[in-house]
Amino acid sequence: MTGQRQEVMAALFVDMGSYIQGRWVRAKYECVRCQTTEGPVKGADRVREFVARIRTEHPTYCIANQQGATAA
């Protein structure tokens, strides 16, 4: 660590488990800055796509980023 303060901006949750018919996964994204939750999405293919895009896509429309930009 560099000794600099770091803040948590968002959390990506991926939950894996099983049920009687087979395997399932789900994911959700929570932005601490704008208090938004996206998801959950369910199913391996949808989770894979969601995880691949959400961390770069959400900041482009995050309300907290827009408010900061208009205040500057």
Protein backbone atom coordinates (compact mmCIF):
# COMPACT_ATOMS: atom_id res chain seq x y z
CA MET A 1 0.00 0.00 0.00
CA THR A 2 1.13 3.52 -0.70
CA GLY A 3 -0.38 5.02 2.43
CA GLN A 4 -2.93 6.96 0.39
CA ARG A 5 -6.58 6.74 1.31
CA GLN A 6 -8.63 4.65 -1.07
CA GLU A 7 -12.39 4.59 -1.29
CA VAL A 8 -14.70 1.79 -2.37
CA MET A 9 -16.65 3.05 -5.35
CA ALA A 10 -18.61 -0.07 -6.27
CA ALA A 11 -18.99 -3.77 -5.58
CA LEU A 12 -19.46 -6.60 -8.05
CA PHE A 13 -21.04 -9.72 -6.55
CA VAL A 14 -20.97 -13.09 -8.29
CA ASP A 15 -22.83 -15.87 -6.49
CA MET A 16 -22.39 -19.50 -7.51
CA GLY A 17 -24.46 -22.34 -6.16
CA SER A 18 -26.51 -25.28 -7.26
CA TYR A 19 -30.07 -26.51 -7.30
CA ILE A 20 -31.66 -29.86 -8.11
CA GLN A 21 -31.74 -29.50 -11.93
CA GLY A 22 -28.18 -28.21 -12.28
CA ARG A 23 -25.80 -25.34 -11.76
CA TRP A 24 -26.73 -21.67 -11.61
CA VAL A 25 -24.87 -18.42 -11.16
CA ARG A 26 -26.01 -14.85 -10.65
CA ALA A 27 -24.34 -11.46 -10.43
CA LYS A 28 -25.20 -7.91 -9.37
CA TYR A 29 -23.35 -4.60 -9.28
CA GLU A 30 -23.80 -1.98 -6.57
CA CYS A 31 -22.48 1.55 -7.07
CA VAL A 32 -21.76 3.22 -3.74
CA ARG A 33 -21.57 6.68 -5.30
CA CYS A 34 -25.05 6.81 -6.85
CA GLN A 35 -26.69 4.11 -4.69
CA THR A 36 -27.71 2.10 -7.77
CA THR A 37 -27.97 -1.67 -7.99
CA GLU A 38 -27.85 -3.31 -11.39
CA GLY A 39 -28.93 -6.89 -11.78
CA PRO A 40 -29.16 -9.50 -10.62
CA VAL A 41 -28.62 -11.36 -13.85
CA LYS A 42 -28.89 -15.13 -13.81
CA GLY A 43 -27.33 -17.87 -15.90
CA ALA A 44 -23.72 -18.48 -16.86
CA ASP A 45 -23.85 -16.74 -20.24
CA ARG A 46 -25.67 -13.65 -18.97
CA VAL A 47 -23.36 -13.39 -15.93
CA ARG A 48 -20.26 -13.65 -18.13
CA GLU A 49 -21.53 -10.83 -20.39
CA PHE A 50 -22.63 -8.69 -17.44
CA VAL A 51 -19.26 -9.00 -15.65
CA ALA A 52 -17.37 -8.22 -18.86
CA ARG A 53 -19.16 -4.89 -19.40
CA ILE A 54 -20.55 -3.47 -16.15
CA ARG A 55 -17.41 -1.99 -14.57
CA THR A 56 -16.62 0.08 -17.66
CA GLU A 57 -20.20 0.74 -18.76
CA HIS A 58 -21.77 1.93 -15.49
CA PRO A 59 -19.45 4.94 -14.98
CA THR A 60 -20.56 6.31 -18.37
CA TYR A 61 -24.12 6.84 -17.10
CA CYS A 62 -23.58 7.00 -13.32
CA ILE A 63 -25.61 9.86 -11.85
CA ALA A 64 -22.80 10.69 -9.40
CA ASN A 65 -20.37 11.21 -12.30
CA GLN A 66 -22.87 13.43 -14.12
CA GLN A 67 -23.53 15.56 -11.04
CA GLY A 68 -19.81 16.01 -10.51
CA ALA A 69 -19.33 17.01 -14.13
CA THR A 70 -22.11 19.61 -14.05
CA ALA A 71 -20.93 21.03 -10.72
CA ALA A 72 -17.40 21.64 -12.04
